[in-house]
Amino acid sequence: MAMDAAEIERLIREGIPDAQVRIEDLRGDGDHYAAHVVSPAFAGKSRVQQHQMVYQALKGNMGGVLHALALNTSVPKA
């Protein structure tokens, strides 16, 4: 069973409370998503570290019920 967009967004917001999150269903099939996550918590972190923070927020679902997620992370513009 695939994870829906609302659940992905909820987990990311719980794990990174100050994040702005937008989830996009890339194919309209409810199985391939892109997550656009903007958070001050990413400041000073490499792109890899930012992505690791998002994966941690997803609580082990990446690679299981959630297998196709394109990540775009950034720090808010001043």
C-alpha atoms as a PDB file:
ATOM      1  CA  MET A   1       0.000   0.000   0.000  1.00  0.00           C
ATOM      2  CA  ALA A   2       1.377   3.402  -1.000  1.00  0.00           C
ATOM      3  CA  MET A   3       1.598   6.398   1.301  1.00  0.00           C
ATOM      4  CA  ASP A   4      -0.624   9.340   0.382  1.00  0.00           C
ATOM      5  CA  ALA A   5       0.507  12.950   0.016  1.00  0.00           C
ATOM      6  CA  ALA A   6      -1.234  14.122   3.192  1.00  0.00           C
ATOM      7  CA  GLU A   7       0.608  11.528   5.277  1.00  0.00           C
ATOM      8  CA  ILE A   8       3.974  12.480   3.756  1.00  0.00           C
ATOM      9  CA  GLU A   9       3.292  16.144   4.518  1.00  0.00           C
ATOM     10  CA  ARG A  10       2.141  15.360   8.067  1.00  0.00           C
ATOM     11  CA  LEU A  11       5.269  13.350   8.873  1.00  0.00           C
ATOM     12  CA  ILE A  12       7.598  16.012   7.501  1.00  0.00           C
ATOM     13  CA  ARG A  13       5.796  18.777   9.422  1.00  0.00           C
ATOM     14  CA  GLU A  14       5.965  16.731  12.632  1.00  0.00           C
ATOM     15  CA  GLY A  15       9.670  16.027  12.177  1.00  0.00           C
ATOM     16  CA  ILE A  16      10.585  19.544  11.033  1.00  0.00           C
ATOM     17  CA  PRO A  17       7.967  21.764  12.732  1.00  0.00           C
ATOM     18  CA  ASP A  18       9.017  25.083  11.168  1.00  0.00           C
ATOM     19  CA  ALA A  19       9.045  23.666   7.623  1.00  0.00           C
ATOM     20  CA  GLN A  20       6.975  24.853   4.713  1.00  0.00           C
ATOM     21  CA  VAL A  21       6.014  21.681   2.848  1.00  0.00           C
ATOM     22  CA  ARG A  22       4.494  21.163  -0.572  1.00  0.00           C
ATOM     23  CA  ILE A  23       3.904  17.673  -1.923  1.00  0.00           C
ATOM     24  CA  GLU A  24       3.382  17.092  -5.632  1.00  0.00           C
ATOM     25  CA  ASP A  25       2.011  13.875  -7.153  1.00  0.00           C
ATOM     26  CA  LEU A  26       4.319  13.579 -10.162  1.00  0.00           C
ATOM     27  CA  ARG A  27       2.340  11.046 -12.185  1.00  0.00           C
ATOM     28  CA  GLY A  28      -1.129  11.331 -10.729  1.00  0.00           C
ATOM     29  CA  ASP A  29      -0.880   7.724  -9.574  1.00  0.00           C
ATOM     30  CA  GLY A  30      -0.487   8.354  -5.837  1.00  0.00           C
ATOM     31  CA  ASP A  31       2.846   6.545  -5.900  1.00  0.00           C
ATOM     32  CA  HIS A  32       5.455   8.997  -7.252  1.00  0.00           C
ATOM     33  CA  TYR A  33       5.891  12.233  -5.326  1.00  0.00           C
ATOM     34  CA  ALA A  34       8.082  15.302  -5.085  1.00  0.00           C
ATOM     35  CA  ALA A  35       8.488  17.058  -1.751  1.00  0.00           C
ATOM     36  CA  HIS A  36       9.478  20.724  -1.654  1.00  0.00           C
ATOM     37  CA  VAL A  37      10.622  21.522   1.883  1.00  0.00           C
ATOM     38  CA  VAL A  38      11.807  24.949   3.056  1.00  0.00           C
ATOM     39  CA  SER A  39      13.062  25.304   6.622  1.00  0.00           C
ATOM     40  CA  PRO A  40      15.335  27.555   8.677  1.00  0.00           C
ATOM     41  CA  ALA A  41      16.552  24.306  10.305  1.00  0.00           C
ATOM     42  CA  PHE A  42      18.437  23.595   7.057  1.00  0.00           C
ATOM     43  CA  ALA A  43      20.698  26.645   7.502  1.00  0.00           C
ATOM     44  CA  GLY A  44      24.372  25.699   7.469  1.00  0.00           C
ATOM     45  CA  LYS A  45      23.630  22.116   6.433  1.00  0.00           C
ATOM     46  CA  SER A  46      24.695  20.462   3.209  1.00  0.00           C
ATOM     47  CA  ARG A  47      22.067  19.260   0.756  1.00  0.00           C
ATOM     48  CA  VAL A  48      22.758  15.687   1.869  1.00  0.00           C
ATOM     49  CA  GLN A  49      22.216  16.635   5.530  1.00  0.00           C
ATOM     50  CA  GLN A  50      18.971  18.428   4.620  1.00  0.00           C
ATOM     51  CA  HIS A  51      17.701  15.342   2.797  1.00  0.00           C
ATOM     52  CA  GLN A  52      18.717  13.137   5.729  1.00  0.00           C
ATOM     53  CA  MET A  53      16.602  15.334   8.015  1.00  0.00           C
ATOM     54  CA  VAL A  54      13.587  14.788   5.756  1.00  0.00           C
ATOM     55  CA  TYR A  55      14.215  11.026   5.571  1.00  0.00           C
ATOM     56  CA  GLN A  56      14.445  10.929   9.373  1.00  0.00           C
ATOM     57  CA  ALA A  57      11.124  12.779   9.599  1.00  0.00           C
ATOM     58  CA  LEU A  58       9.572  10.098   7.382  1.00  0.00           C
ATOM     59  CA  LYS A  59      10.277   7.570  10.158  1.00  0.00           C
ATOM     60  CA  GLY A  60      11.691   4.725   8.080  1.00  0.00           C
ATOM     61  CA  ASN A  61       8.951   4.780   5.441  1.00  0.00           C
ATOM     62  CA  MET A  62      11.370   5.775   2.676  1.00  0.00           C
ATOM     63  CA  GLY A  63      12.191   2.708   0.615  1.00  0.00           C
ATOM     64  CA  GLY A  64       9.160   0.833   1.966  1.00  0.00           C
ATOM     65  CA  VAL A  65       5.636   2.157   1.526  1.00  0.00           C
ATOM     66  CA  LEU A  66       7.204   5.306   0.108  1.00  0.00           C
ATOM     67  CA  HIS A  67       9.618   4.368  -2.635  1.00  0.00           C
ATOM     68  CA  ALA A  68       9.541   7.275  -5.108  1.00  0.00           C
ATOM     69  CA  LEU A  69      10.161  10.681  -3.579  1.00  0.00           C
ATOM     70  CA  ALA A  70      12.094  13.469  -5.289  1.00  0.00           C
ATOM     71  CA  LEU A  71      13.341  15.952  -2.706  1.00  0.00           C
ATOM     72  CA  ASN A  72      13.912  19.667  -3.123  1.00  0.00           C
ATOM     73  CA  THR A  73      15.105  21.319   0.102  1.00  0.00           C
ATOM     74  CA  SER A  74      16.156  24.876   0.843  1.00  0.00           C
ATOM     75  CA  VAL A  75      16.503  27.582   3.479  1.00  0.00           C
ATOM     76  CA  PRO A  76      13.937  30.433   3.389  1.00  0.00           C
ATOM     77  CA  LYS A  77      15.084  33.496   1.508  1.00  0.00           C
ATOM     78  CA  ALA A  78      15.656  36.503   3.729  1.00  0.00           C
END
